[in-house]
Amino acid sequence: MPIEALSTKLPARQAPRRGGVLRASLGLAAVSLLLFGLGYSLIATGLGRALFPQAATGSVIERDGRIVGSALVAQPFGTDRYFQPRPSAAGYDPMALAGSNQARTNPDMRERVQETRATVATREGVAPAAVPSDLATQSGSGIDPHISPEAARIQIARVARARDLSPARIESLLALHVEGKQWGLFGRPRVNVLELNVALDALAAPGGVD
């Protein structure tokens, strides 16, 4: 039989119906939205709360039933009774995370660092050369909650005078709040400023202990 004759007997391919394509598209969109949009978010949130309950809720710190801040966010302290955090280019605003984005060769940055170092030296009663670099420079995020143990130690004398406590007592409390390297491998020892200040208030409260 000729090929032309065979071809005439083949059924014609029907064009897909628009309704079927629309239903398939809507079904795929619904499955994608529910599975990847809602389902994934619920699973990730649930795992986060189960594995890291403190961090999942913002690592908030409470005192006397009142939230005083987050262990993840730096905040300024207005009196000499408290340890001070690093300077912030974002004004300690967690909604405006930012560094200065100035290079070390920028003359404005050098001037700012020198002025900050001089201010910290006057506040702590030390020579400008003794001021640790993290108290004179801003962190990349603008809200780094940690300082180095050295940056905390030069503040002990001021805090002790303001609270009428012995420097040795403040030093002992500080030693309890020095965190080691992350997983023992990464970074450097550090001190969470807010947690240390909360411990200071608890130390001075009735019934407070060393």
N, C-alpha and C. Protein backbone atom coordinates (compact mmCIF):
# COMPACT_ATOMS: atom_id res chain seq x y z
N MET A 1 0.87 -1.19 0.00
CA MET A 1 0.00 0.00 0.00
C MET A 1 0.90 1.23 0.00
N PRO A 2 0.56 2.19 -0.86
CA PRO A 2 1.39 3.41 -0.92
C PRO A 2 1.37 4.15 0.41
N ILE A 3 2.49 4.89 0.64
CA ILE A 3 2.60 5.68 1.88
C ILE A 3 1.51 6.72 1.97
N GLU A 4 1.16 7.30 0.85
CA GLU A 4 0.12 8.33 0.85
C GLU A 4 -1.19 7.75 1.37
N ALA A 5 -1.47 6.51 1.01
CA ALA A 5 -2.72 5.89 1.44
C ALA A 5 -2.71 5.63 2.93
N LEU A 6 -1.55 5.23 3.47
CA LEU A 6 -1.47 4.99 4.91
C LEU A 6 -1.68 6.27 5.69
N SER A 7 -1.09 7.32 5.20
CA SER A 7 -1.18 8.59 5.93
C SER A 7 -2.59 9.10 6.01
N THR A 8 -3.37 8.77 5.07
CA THR A 8 -4.75 9.26 5.10
C THR A 8 -5.58 8.55 6.15
N LYS A 9 -5.14 7.36 6.60
CA LYS A 9 -5.90 6.60 7.58
C LYS A 9 -5.51 6.92 9.02
N LEU A 10 -4.41 7.67 9.23
CA LEU A 10 -3.99 8.03 10.59
C LEU A 10 -4.94 9.06 11.17
N PRO A 11 -5.32 8.91 12.43
CA PRO A 11 -6.23 9.88 13.04
C PRO A 11 -5.56 11.23 13.20
N ALA A 12 -6.29 12.25 12.99
CA ALA A 12 -5.76 13.62 13.13
C ALA A 12 -5.54 13.94 14.61
N ARG A 13 -4.38 14.58 14.91
CA ARG A 13 -4.07 14.96 16.29
C ARG A 13 -4.96 16.11 16.72
N GLN A 14 -5.63 15.91 17.84
CA GLN A 14 -6.54 16.94 18.31
C GLN A 14 -5.79 18.00 19.11
N ALA A 15 -6.14 19.22 18.92
CA ALA A 15 -5.54 20.33 19.68
C ALA A 15 -5.99 20.26 21.14
N PRO A 16 -5.09 20.53 22.09
CA PRO A 16 -5.47 20.48 23.51
C PRO A 16 -6.54 21.51 23.82
N ARG A 17 -7.42 21.11 24.69
CA ARG A 17 -8.49 22.02 25.07
C ARG A 17 -7.96 23.09 26.01
N ARG A 18 -8.45 24.30 25.87
CA ARG A 18 -8.00 25.40 26.71
C ARG A 18 -8.35 25.16 28.17
N GLY A 19 -9.51 24.56 28.41
CA GLY A 19 -9.91 24.30 29.79
C GLY A 19 -8.97 23.35 30.49
N GLY A 20 -8.49 22.31 29.77
CA GLY A 20 -7.56 21.37 30.37
C GLY A 20 -6.23 22.00 30.71
N VAL A 21 -5.71 22.86 29.83
CA VAL A 21 -4.44 23.55 30.09
C VAL A 21 -4.58 24.48 31.28
N LEU A 22 -5.71 25.16 31.37
CA LEU A 22 -5.93 26.09 32.48
C LEU A 22 -6.01 25.35 33.81
N ARG A 23 -6.73 24.22 33.82
CA ARG A 23 -6.83 23.44 35.06
C ARG A 23 -5.47 22.91 35.50
N ALA A 24 -4.69 22.44 34.52
CA ALA A 24 -3.36 21.92 34.86
C ALA A 24 -2.47 23.03 35.41
N SER A 25 -2.55 24.20 34.82
CA SER A 25 -1.73 25.33 35.28
C SER A 25 -2.13 25.75 36.69
N LEU A 26 -3.45 25.84 36.93
CA LEU A 26 -3.92 26.23 38.25
C LEU A 26 -3.57 25.17 39.29
N GLY A 27 -3.65 23.90 38.90
CA GLY A 27 -3.29 22.82 39.83
C GLY A 27 -1.82 22.86 40.20
N LEU A 28 -0.97 23.08 39.21
CA LEU A 28 0.47 23.18 39.48
C LEU A 28 0.77 24.38 40.36
N ALA A 29 0.12 25.50 40.08
CA ALA A 29 0.35 26.70 40.90
C ALA A 29 -0.10 26.47 42.34
N ALA A 30 -1.25 25.81 42.53
CA ALA A 30 -1.76 25.56 43.88
C ALA A 30 -0.84 24.62 44.65
N VAL A 31 -0.39 23.55 43.97
CA VAL A 31 0.52 22.60 44.63
C VAL A 31 1.83 23.28 44.99
N SER A 32 2.37 24.07 44.07
CA SER A 32 3.63 24.77 44.35
C SER A 32 3.49 25.74 45.51
N LEU A 33 2.37 26.46 45.53
CA LEU A 33 2.15 27.44 46.59
C LEU A 33 2.00 26.76 47.95
N LEU A 34 1.19 25.70 47.99
CA LEU A 34 0.95 25.03 49.26
C LEU A 34 2.16 24.24 49.74
N LEU A 35 2.83 23.57 48.79
CA LEU A 35 3.94 22.72 49.18
C LEU A 35 5.20 23.52 49.49
N PHE A 36 5.58 24.39 48.56
CA PHE A 36 6.84 25.11 48.71
C PHE A 36 6.66 26.45 49.43
N GLY A 37 5.51 27.04 49.30
CA GLY A 37 5.29 28.31 49.99
C GLY A 37 4.87 28.14 51.43
N LEU A 38 3.81 27.37 51.67
CA LEU A 38 3.30 27.18 53.02
C LEU A 38 3.96 26.00 53.73
N GLY A 39 3.99 24.85 53.07
CA GLY A 39 4.52 23.65 53.73
C GLY A 39 5.98 23.79 54.12
N TYR A 40 6.80 24.27 53.20
CA TYR A 40 8.23 24.43 53.52
C TYR A 40 8.44 25.42 54.65
N SER A 41 7.70 26.52 54.63
CA SER A 41 7.85 27.51 55.70
C SER A 41 7.46 26.96 57.05
N LEU A 42 6.35 26.20 57.09
CA LEU A 42 5.92 25.61 58.36
C LEU A 42 6.93 24.59 58.87
N ILE A 43 7.46 23.78 57.98
CA ILE A 43 8.44 22.77 58.39
C ILE A 43 9.72 23.44 58.89
N ALA A 44 10.20 24.43 58.14
CA ALA A 44 11.43 25.12 58.54
C ALA A 44 11.26 25.84 59.86
N THR A 45 10.10 26.51 60.03
CA THR A 45 9.84 27.21 61.29
C THR A 45 9.73 26.23 62.45
N GLY A 46 9.04 25.12 62.22
CA GLY A 46 8.90 24.12 63.28
C GLY A 46 10.23 23.52 63.68
N LEU A 47 11.07 23.20 62.70
CA LEU A 47 12.39 22.66 63.01
C LEU A 47 13.25 23.68 63.74
N GLY A 48 13.14 24.94 63.31
CA GLY A 48 13.91 25.99 63.98
C GLY A 48 13.52 26.15 65.43
N ARG A 49 12.23 26.14 65.70
CA ARG A 49 11.77 26.25 67.08
C ARG A 49 12.16 25.03 67.91
N ALA A 50 12.16 23.85 67.28
CA ALA A 50 12.48 22.64 68.02
C ALA A 50 13.97 22.54 68.31
N LEU A 51 14.80 22.89 67.33
CA LEU A 51 16.25 22.74 67.48
C LEU A 51 16.90 23.94 68.14
N PHE A 52 16.37 25.14 67.86
CA PHE A 52 16.97 26.36 68.41
C PHE A 52 15.87 27.25 68.99
N PRO A 53 15.23 26.83 70.08
CA PRO A 53 14.07 27.57 70.59
C PRO A 53 14.37 29.00 70.99
N GLN A 54 15.57 29.26 71.55
CA GLN A 54 15.90 30.61 71.98
C GLN A 54 16.14 31.53 70.79
N ALA A 55 16.97 31.08 69.86
CA ALA A 55 17.29 31.90 68.69
C ALA A 55 16.08 32.10 67.79
N ALA A 56 15.19 31.11 67.70
CA ALA A 56 14.03 31.20 66.82
C ALA A 56 13.06 32.29 67.25
N THR A 57 13.09 32.65 68.52
CA THR A 57 12.20 33.70 69.02
C THR A 57 12.93 35.02 69.24
N GLY A 58 14.11 35.16 68.62
CA GLY A 58 14.81 36.44 68.68
C GLY A 58 15.85 36.54 69.78
N SER A 59 16.08 35.47 70.52
CA SER A 59 17.06 35.48 71.62
C SER A 59 16.83 36.66 72.57
N VAL A 60 15.55 36.90 72.89
CA VAL A 60 15.24 38.03 73.77
C VAL A 60 15.68 37.73 75.19
N ILE A 61 16.03 38.78 75.91
CA ILE A 61 16.47 38.68 77.30
C ILE A 61 15.47 39.43 78.17
N GLU A 62 15.00 38.78 79.19
CA GLU A 62 14.03 39.39 80.09
C GLU A 62 14.64 39.60 81.47
N ARG A 63 14.16 40.62 82.15
CA ARG A 63 14.53 40.86 83.54
C ARG A 63 13.29 41.34 84.27
N ASP A 64 12.95 40.65 85.33
CA ASP A 64 11.74 40.98 86.11
C ASP A 64 10.50 40.98 85.24
N GLY A 65 10.44 40.03 84.30
CA GLY A 65 9.28 39.90 83.44
C GLY A 65 9.19 40.92 82.33
N ARG A 66 10.25 41.69 82.11
CA ARG A 66 10.25 42.73 81.08
C ARG A 66 11.38 42.46 80.10
N ILE A 67 11.09 42.57 78.81
CA ILE A 67 12.11 42.36 77.79
C ILE A 67 13.03 43.57 77.77
N VAL A 68 14.32 43.32 77.93
CA VAL A 68 15.30 44.41 77.95
C VAL A 68 16.13 44.46 76.67
N GLY A 69 16.00 43.48 75.81
CA GLY A 69 16.74 43.49 74.56
C GLY A 69 16.91 42.09 74.01
N SER A 70 17.77 41.99 73.01
CA SER A 70 18.07 40.71 72.39
C SER A 70 19.57 40.46 72.47
N ALA A 71 19.92 39.21 72.70
CA ALA A 71 21.33 38.84 72.75
C ALA A 71 21.99 38.93 71.38
N LEU A 72 21.20 39.12 70.33
CA LEU A 72 21.73 39.19 68.97
C LEU A 72 21.94 40.61 68.49
N VAL A 73 21.47 41.60 69.27
CA VAL A 73 21.48 42.99 68.81
C VAL A 73 22.14 43.88 69.84
N ALA A 74 23.10 44.69 69.41
CA ALA A 74 23.75 45.64 70.31
C ALA A 74 22.81 46.81 70.60
N GLN A 75 22.99 47.41 71.75
CA GLN A 75 22.23 48.60 72.10
C GLN A 75 23.10 49.49 72.99
N PRO A 76 22.92 50.79 72.90
CA PRO A 76 23.74 51.69 73.72
C PRO A 76 23.24 51.72 75.16
N PHE A 77 24.13 52.07 76.06
CA PHE A 77 23.79 52.22 77.47
C PHE A 77 24.24 53.61 77.91
N GLY A 78 23.32 54.33 78.56
CA GLY A 78 23.52 55.75 78.77
C GLY A 78 24.30 56.17 79.99
N THR A 79 24.67 55.26 80.88
CA THR A 79 25.35 55.66 82.10
C THR A 79 26.64 54.88 82.27
N ASP A 80 27.49 55.37 83.19
CA ASP A 80 28.76 54.71 83.47
C ASP A 80 28.58 53.40 84.23
N ARG A 81 27.38 53.08 84.63
CA ARG A 81 27.13 51.86 85.38
C ARG A 81 27.17 50.63 84.49
N TYR A 82 27.25 50.84 83.18
CA TYR A 82 27.16 49.71 82.25
C TYR A 82 28.38 49.66 81.32
N PHE A 83 28.67 48.45 80.87
CA PHE A 83 29.65 48.27 79.80
C PHE A 83 29.05 48.77 78.50
N GLN A 84 29.90 49.33 77.66
CA GLN A 84 29.45 49.90 76.40
C GLN A 84 29.82 49.00 75.23
N PRO A 85 28.98 48.94 74.20
CA PRO A 85 29.25 48.11 73.02
C PRO A 85 30.15 48.84 72.02
N ARG A 86 30.33 48.23 70.88
CA ARG A 86 31.08 48.86 69.79
C ARG A 86 30.29 50.03 69.22
N PRO A 87 30.98 51.00 68.60
CA PRO A 87 30.27 52.06 67.89
C PRO A 87 29.43 51.47 66.76
N SER A 88 28.39 52.17 66.37
CA SER A 88 27.48 51.66 65.34
C SER A 88 27.25 52.72 64.27
N ALA A 89 27.49 52.34 63.02
CA ALA A 89 27.20 53.23 61.90
C ALA A 89 25.71 53.32 61.63
N ALA A 90 24.95 52.36 62.16
CA ALA A 90 23.50 52.32 61.94
C ALA A 90 22.73 52.92 63.11
N GLY A 91 23.43 53.51 64.08
CA GLY A 91 22.74 54.05 65.24
C GLY A 91 22.06 52.98 66.07
N TYR A 92 22.59 51.75 66.03
CA TYR A 92 22.05 50.60 66.76
C TYR A 92 20.60 50.30 66.35
N ASP A 93 20.26 50.66 65.12
CA ASP A 93 18.91 50.42 64.62
C ASP A 93 18.90 49.10 63.86
N PRO A 94 18.20 48.05 64.37
CA PRO A 94 18.20 46.76 63.67
C PRO A 94 17.49 46.79 62.33
N MET A 95 16.75 47.86 62.05
CA MET A 95 16.07 47.99 60.76
C MET A 95 16.94 48.72 59.74
N ALA A 96 18.13 49.13 60.15
CA ALA A 96 19.02 49.86 59.24
C ALA A 96 20.44 49.30 59.33
N LEU A 97 20.55 47.98 59.21
CA LEU A 97 21.85 47.33 59.35
C LEU A 97 22.82 47.86 58.31
N ALA A 98 23.96 48.33 58.78
CA ALA A 98 24.94 48.89 57.85
C ALA A 98 26.24 49.20 58.56
N GLY A 99 27.31 49.12 57.81
CA GLY A 99 28.60 49.64 58.25
C GLY A 99 28.84 50.96 57.56
N SER A 100 29.97 51.55 57.81
CA SER A 100 30.27 52.83 57.16
C SER A 100 30.67 52.65 55.70
N ASN A 101 31.13 51.42 55.36
CA ASN A 101 31.60 51.11 54.01
C ASN A 101 32.78 51.98 53.58
N GLN A 102 33.52 52.49 54.55
CA GLN A 102 34.70 53.29 54.27
C GLN A 102 35.95 52.41 54.36
N ALA A 103 36.85 52.56 53.40
CA ALA A 103 38.09 51.80 53.40
C ALA A 103 39.05 52.35 54.45
N ARG A 104 40.04 51.54 54.80
CA ARG A 104 41.03 51.98 55.78
C ARG A 104 41.82 53.18 55.29
N THR A 105 41.91 53.32 53.98
CA THR A 105 42.66 54.44 53.42
C THR A 105 41.85 55.73 53.37
N ASN A 106 40.56 55.65 53.72
CA ASN A 106 39.71 56.83 53.68
C ASN A 106 40.10 57.78 54.82
N PRO A 107 40.45 59.03 54.51
CA PRO A 107 40.86 59.96 55.58
C PRO A 107 39.75 60.26 56.57
N ASP A 108 38.50 60.24 56.11
CA ASP A 108 37.39 60.48 57.04
C ASP A 108 37.30 59.37 58.07
N MET A 109 37.52 58.13 57.62
CA MET A 109 37.48 57.02 58.55
C MET A 109 38.61 57.12 59.56
N ARG A 110 39.79 57.43 59.10
CA ARG A 110 40.92 57.56 60.02
C ARG A 110 40.67 58.63 61.06
N GLU A 111 40.10 59.73 60.63
CA GLU A 111 39.78 60.81 61.57
C GLU A 111 38.73 60.37 62.58
N ARG A 112 37.70 59.69 62.08
CA ARG A 112 36.64 59.23 62.98
C ARG A 112 37.17 58.23 64.00
N VAL A 113 38.01 57.30 63.56
CA VAL A 113 38.57 56.31 64.47
C VAL A 113 39.44 56.99 65.53
N GLN A 114 40.22 57.96 65.13
CA GLN A 114 41.06 58.68 66.09
C GLN A 114 40.22 59.42 67.12
N GLU A 115 39.15 60.06 66.65
CA GLU A 115 38.26 60.79 67.57
C GLU A 115 37.57 59.82 68.53
N THR A 116 37.10 58.70 67.99
CA THR A 116 36.44 57.71 68.85
C THR A 116 37.42 57.13 69.86
N ARG A 117 38.62 56.84 69.43
CA ARG A 117 39.63 56.29 70.33
C ARG A 117 39.93 57.28 71.46
N ALA A 118 40.03 58.57 71.11
CA ALA A 118 40.30 59.59 72.12
C ALA A 118 39.14 59.71 73.10
N THR A 119 37.91 59.62 72.60
CA THR A 119 36.73 59.69 73.47
C THR A 119 36.68 58.52 74.44
N VAL A 120 36.93 57.31 73.92
CA VAL A 120 36.92 56.13 74.77
C VAL A 120 38.05 56.20 75.79
N ALA A 121 39.22 56.68 75.38
CA ALA A 121 40.35 56.80 76.31
C ALA A 121 40.02 57.75 77.45
N THR A 122 39.38 58.86 77.14
CA THR A 122 38.98 59.80 78.18
C THR A 122 37.93 59.19 79.10
N ARG A 123 36.98 58.51 78.55
CA ARG A 123 35.91 57.89 79.35
C ARG A 123 36.45 56.82 80.28
N GLU A 124 37.41 56.03 79.82
CA GLU A 124 37.91 54.92 80.60
C GLU A 124 39.16 55.27 81.41
N GLY A 125 39.70 56.46 81.18
CA GLY A 125 40.89 56.86 81.92
C GLY A 125 42.14 56.09 81.53
N VAL A 126 42.29 55.81 80.24
CA VAL A 126 43.46 55.09 79.75
C VAL A 126 44.08 55.89 78.61
N ALA A 127 45.26 55.48 78.18
CA ALA A 127 45.90 56.12 77.05
C ALA A 127 45.21 55.71 75.75
N PRO A 128 45.16 56.58 74.76
CA PRO A 128 44.52 56.20 73.49
C PRO A 128 45.10 54.93 72.88
N ALA A 129 46.39 54.71 73.05
CA ALA A 129 47.01 53.51 72.48
C ALA A 129 46.52 52.23 73.16
N ALA A 130 45.96 52.36 74.37
CA ALA A 130 45.48 51.19 75.11
C ALA A 130 44.05 50.81 74.75
N VAL A 131 43.39 51.62 73.95
CA VAL A 131 42.00 51.33 73.57
C VAL A 131 41.97 50.22 72.52
N PRO A 132 41.30 49.09 72.79
CA PRO A 132 41.21 48.02 71.78
C PRO A 132 40.52 48.51 70.52
N SER A 133 40.91 47.95 69.40
CA SER A 133 40.40 48.43 68.11
C SER A 133 38.89 48.28 67.97
N ASP A 134 38.29 47.26 68.62
CA ASP A 134 36.85 47.07 68.44
C ASP A 134 36.03 48.14 69.17
N LEU A 135 36.63 48.91 70.07
CA LEU A 135 35.91 50.01 70.69
C LEU A 135 36.06 51.31 69.90
N ALA A 136 36.93 51.28 68.90
CA ALA A 136 37.14 52.47 68.09
C ALA A 136 36.61 52.32 66.67
N THR A 137 36.29 51.10 66.28
CA THR A 137 35.80 50.86 64.92
C THR A 137 34.38 50.31 64.96
N GLN A 138 33.68 50.46 63.86
CA GLN A 138 32.30 50.00 63.76
C GLN A 138 32.26 48.62 63.12
N SER A 139 31.30 47.80 63.54
CA SER A 139 31.15 46.48 62.95
C SER A 139 30.46 46.58 61.60
N GLY A 140 30.59 45.54 60.80
CA GLY A 140 29.98 45.55 59.48
C GLY A 140 28.47 45.62 59.53
N SER A 141 27.87 44.98 60.53
CA SER A 141 26.40 44.98 60.63
C SER A 141 25.88 46.24 61.31
N GLY A 142 26.70 46.86 62.15
CA GLY A 142 26.25 48.03 62.90
C GLY A 142 25.58 47.67 64.21
N ILE A 143 25.30 46.38 64.45
CA ILE A 143 24.64 45.98 65.70
C ILE A 143 25.31 44.75 66.32
N ASP A 144 26.62 44.62 66.13
CA ASP A 144 27.35 43.49 66.70
C ASP A 144 27.20 43.53 68.22
N PRO A 145 26.63 42.47 68.83
CA PRO A 145 26.37 42.51 70.28
C PRO A 145 27.59 42.18 71.13
N HIS A 146 28.70 41.81 70.52
CA HIS A 146 29.87 41.36 71.27
C HIS A 146 31.02 42.36 71.22
N ILE A 147 31.84 42.31 72.25
CA ILE A 147 33.12 42.99 72.26
C ILE A 147 34.17 41.98 72.71
N SER A 148 35.42 42.32 72.52
CA SER A 148 36.49 41.42 72.95
C SER A 148 36.64 41.49 74.47
N PRO A 149 37.19 40.44 75.09
CA PRO A 149 37.45 40.51 76.52
C PRO A 149 38.33 41.69 76.91
N GLU A 150 39.28 42.05 76.03
CA GLU A 150 40.14 43.20 76.30
C GLU A 150 39.34 44.49 76.32
N ALA A 151 38.38 44.62 75.41
CA ALA A 151 37.53 45.81 75.37
C ALA A 151 36.64 45.90 76.61
N ALA A 152 36.29 44.76 77.17
CA ALA A 152 35.48 44.76 78.39
C ALA A 152 36.35 45.09 79.60
N ARG A 153 37.57 44.59 79.62
CA ARG A 153 38.42 44.76 80.80
C ARG A 153 38.79 46.22 81.05
N ILE A 154 38.99 47.01 79.97
CA ILE A 154 39.36 48.40 80.21
C ILE A 154 38.18 49.22 80.75
N GLN A 155 36.97 48.63 80.74
CA GLN A 155 35.79 49.32 81.27
C GLN A 155 35.50 48.95 82.72
N ILE A 156 36.23 47.99 83.26
CA ILE A 156 35.95 47.49 84.61
C ILE A 156 36.07 48.59 85.65
N ALA A 157 37.15 49.37 85.58
CA ALA A 157 37.37 50.40 86.60
C ALA A 157 36.23 51.41 86.64
N ARG A 158 35.78 51.85 85.48
CA ARG A 158 34.68 52.83 85.42
C ARG A 158 33.39 52.24 85.98
N VAL A 159 33.05 51.03 85.56
CA VAL A 159 31.82 50.39 86.03
C VAL A 159 31.88 50.15 87.54
N ALA A 160 33.04 49.74 88.03
CA ALA A 160 33.20 49.47 89.46
C ALA A 160 32.99 50.75 90.27
N ARG A 161 33.56 51.86 89.80
CA ARG A 161 33.38 53.13 90.51
C ARG A 161 31.92 53.56 90.51
N ALA A 162 31.27 53.44 89.36
CA ALA A 162 29.88 53.88 89.25
C ALA A 162 28.94 53.05 90.11
N ARG A 163 29.28 51.80 90.32
CA ARG A 163 28.42 50.90 91.10
C ARG A 163 28.91 50.70 92.53
N ASP A 164 30.02 51.35 92.87
CA ASP A 164 30.59 51.22 94.21
C ASP A 164 30.87 49.75 94.54
N LEU A 165 31.46 49.07 93.57
CA LEU A 165 31.85 47.67 93.74
C LEU A 165 33.35 47.55 93.52
N SER A 166 33.94 46.50 94.00
CA SER A 166 35.37 46.29 93.81
C SER A 166 35.63 45.84 92.38
N PRO A 167 36.73 46.31 91.78
CA PRO A 167 37.07 45.84 90.43
C PRO A 167 37.22 44.33 90.36
N ALA A 168 37.69 43.72 91.44
CA ALA A 168 37.86 42.27 91.44
C ALA A 168 36.52 41.56 91.29
N ARG A 169 35.49 42.11 91.89
CA ARG A 169 34.16 41.49 91.79
C ARG A 169 33.62 41.60 90.36
N ILE A 170 33.86 42.76 89.73
CA ILE A 170 33.42 42.92 88.34
C ILE A 170 34.24 42.01 87.44
N GLU A 171 35.53 41.88 87.72
CA GLU A 171 36.38 41.01 86.92
C GLU A 171 35.92 39.56 86.99
N SER A 172 35.52 39.13 88.17
CA SER A 172 35.03 37.75 88.33
C SER A 172 33.75 37.54 87.52
N LEU A 173 32.87 38.52 87.54
CA LEU A 173 31.62 38.41 86.77
C LEU A 173 31.92 38.40 85.28
N LEU A 174 32.86 39.23 84.86
CA LEU A 174 33.23 39.27 83.45
C LEU A 174 33.78 37.93 83.00
N ALA A 175 34.62 37.31 83.83
CA ALA A 175 35.21 36.03 83.46
C ALA A 175 34.15 34.97 83.19
N LEU A 176 33.02 35.06 83.89
CA LEU A 176 31.95 34.10 83.69
C LEU A 176 31.23 34.30 82.36
N HIS A 177 31.39 35.48 81.75
CA HIS A 177 30.66 35.80 80.52
C HIS A 177 31.55 35.87 79.29
N VAL A 178 32.77 35.39 79.41
CA VAL A 178 33.63 35.32 78.23
C VAL A 178 33.29 34.05 77.47
N GLU A 179 32.86 34.20 76.25
CA GLU A 179 32.52 33.07 75.39
C GLU A 179 33.73 32.67 74.57
N GLY A 180 33.95 31.38 74.43
CA GLY A 180 35.08 30.89 73.65
C GLY A 180 34.82 30.97 72.15
N LYS A 181 35.75 30.44 71.37
CA LYS A 181 35.58 30.41 69.92
C LYS A 181 34.35 29.60 69.54
N GLN A 182 33.75 29.95 68.41
CA GLN A 182 32.58 29.21 67.94
C GLN A 182 32.96 27.77 67.66
N TRP A 183 32.29 26.85 68.37
CA TRP A 183 32.57 25.42 68.24
C TRP A 183 34.03 25.11 68.53
N GLY A 184 34.69 26.00 69.25
CA GLY A 184 36.09 25.80 69.60
C GLY A 184 37.06 26.02 68.46
N LEU A 185 36.57 26.48 67.28
CA LEU A 185 37.42 26.60 66.10
C LEU A 185 37.43 27.98 65.48
N PHE A 186 36.26 28.63 65.41
CA PHE A 186 36.12 29.84 64.60
C PHE A 186 36.00 31.09 65.47
N GLY A 187 36.54 32.18 64.93
CA GLY A 187 36.42 33.46 65.62
C GLY A 187 37.38 33.58 66.79
N ARG A 188 37.02 34.51 67.68
CA ARG A 188 37.85 34.78 68.85
C ARG A 188 36.96 34.80 70.09
N PRO A 189 37.56 34.71 71.27
CA PRO A 189 36.76 34.86 72.50
C PRO A 189 36.05 36.20 72.50
N ARG A 190 34.84 36.26 73.06
CA ARG A 190 34.03 37.46 73.00
C ARG A 190 33.13 37.55 74.22
N VAL A 191 32.57 38.73 74.40
CA VAL A 191 31.68 38.99 75.53
C VAL A 191 30.41 39.63 75.00
N ASN A 192 29.25 39.08 75.36
CA ASN A 192 27.98 39.68 74.98
C ASN A 192 27.67 40.81 75.97
N VAL A 193 27.63 42.04 75.47
CA VAL A 193 27.54 43.21 76.34
C VAL A 193 26.21 43.24 77.10
N LEU A 194 25.12 42.96 76.43
CA LEU A 194 23.82 43.01 77.09
C LEU A 194 23.73 41.95 78.19
N GLU A 195 24.16 40.75 77.91
CA GLU A 195 24.10 39.69 78.92
C GLU A 195 24.96 40.05 80.13
N LEU A 196 26.12 40.65 79.89
CA LEU A 196 26.98 41.07 81.00
C LEU A 196 26.32 42.15 81.83
N ASN A 197 25.68 43.12 81.18
CA ASN A 197 25.03 44.21 81.91
C ASN A 197 23.82 43.72 82.70
N VAL A 198 23.09 42.77 82.14
CA VAL A 198 21.96 42.18 82.88
C VAL A 198 22.47 41.47 84.12
N ALA A 199 23.60 40.77 83.98
CA ALA A 199 24.19 40.10 85.14
C ALA A 199 24.67 41.11 86.18
N LEU A 200 25.14 42.26 85.73
CA LEU A 200 25.55 43.32 86.65
C LEU A 200 24.37 43.80 87.48
N ASP A 201 23.24 44.04 86.81
CA ASP A 201 22.04 44.48 87.55
C ASP A 201 21.59 43.42 88.53
N ALA A 202 21.68 42.16 88.14
CA ALA A 202 21.29 41.09 89.06
C ALA A 202 22.24 41.02 90.24
N LEU A 203 23.50 41.37 90.00
CA LEU A 203 24.50 41.35 91.08
C LEU A 203 24.19 42.40 92.12
N ALA A 204 23.71 43.55 91.68
CA ALA A 204 23.42 44.64 92.59
C ALA A 204 22.03 44.53 93.21
N ALA A 205 21.19 43.65 92.69
CA ALA A 205 19.82 43.53 93.22
C ALA A 205 19.85 42.78 94.55
N PRO A 206 18.80 42.97 95.37
CA PRO A 206 18.71 42.23 96.62
C PRO A 206 18.77 40.73 96.37
N GLY A 207 19.64 40.05 97.09
CA GLY A 207 19.78 38.61 96.90
C GLY A 207 20.67 38.23 95.76
N GLY A 208 21.28 39.24 95.08
CA GLY A 208 22.18 38.94 93.99
C GLY A 208 23.42 38.23 94.48
N VAL A 209 23.97 37.40 93.61
CA VAL A 209 25.15 36.62 93.99
C VAL A 209 26.25 36.86 92.97
N ASP A 210 27.48 36.56 93.39
CA ASP A 210 28.62 36.71 92.49
C ASP A 210 28.56 35.67 91.38
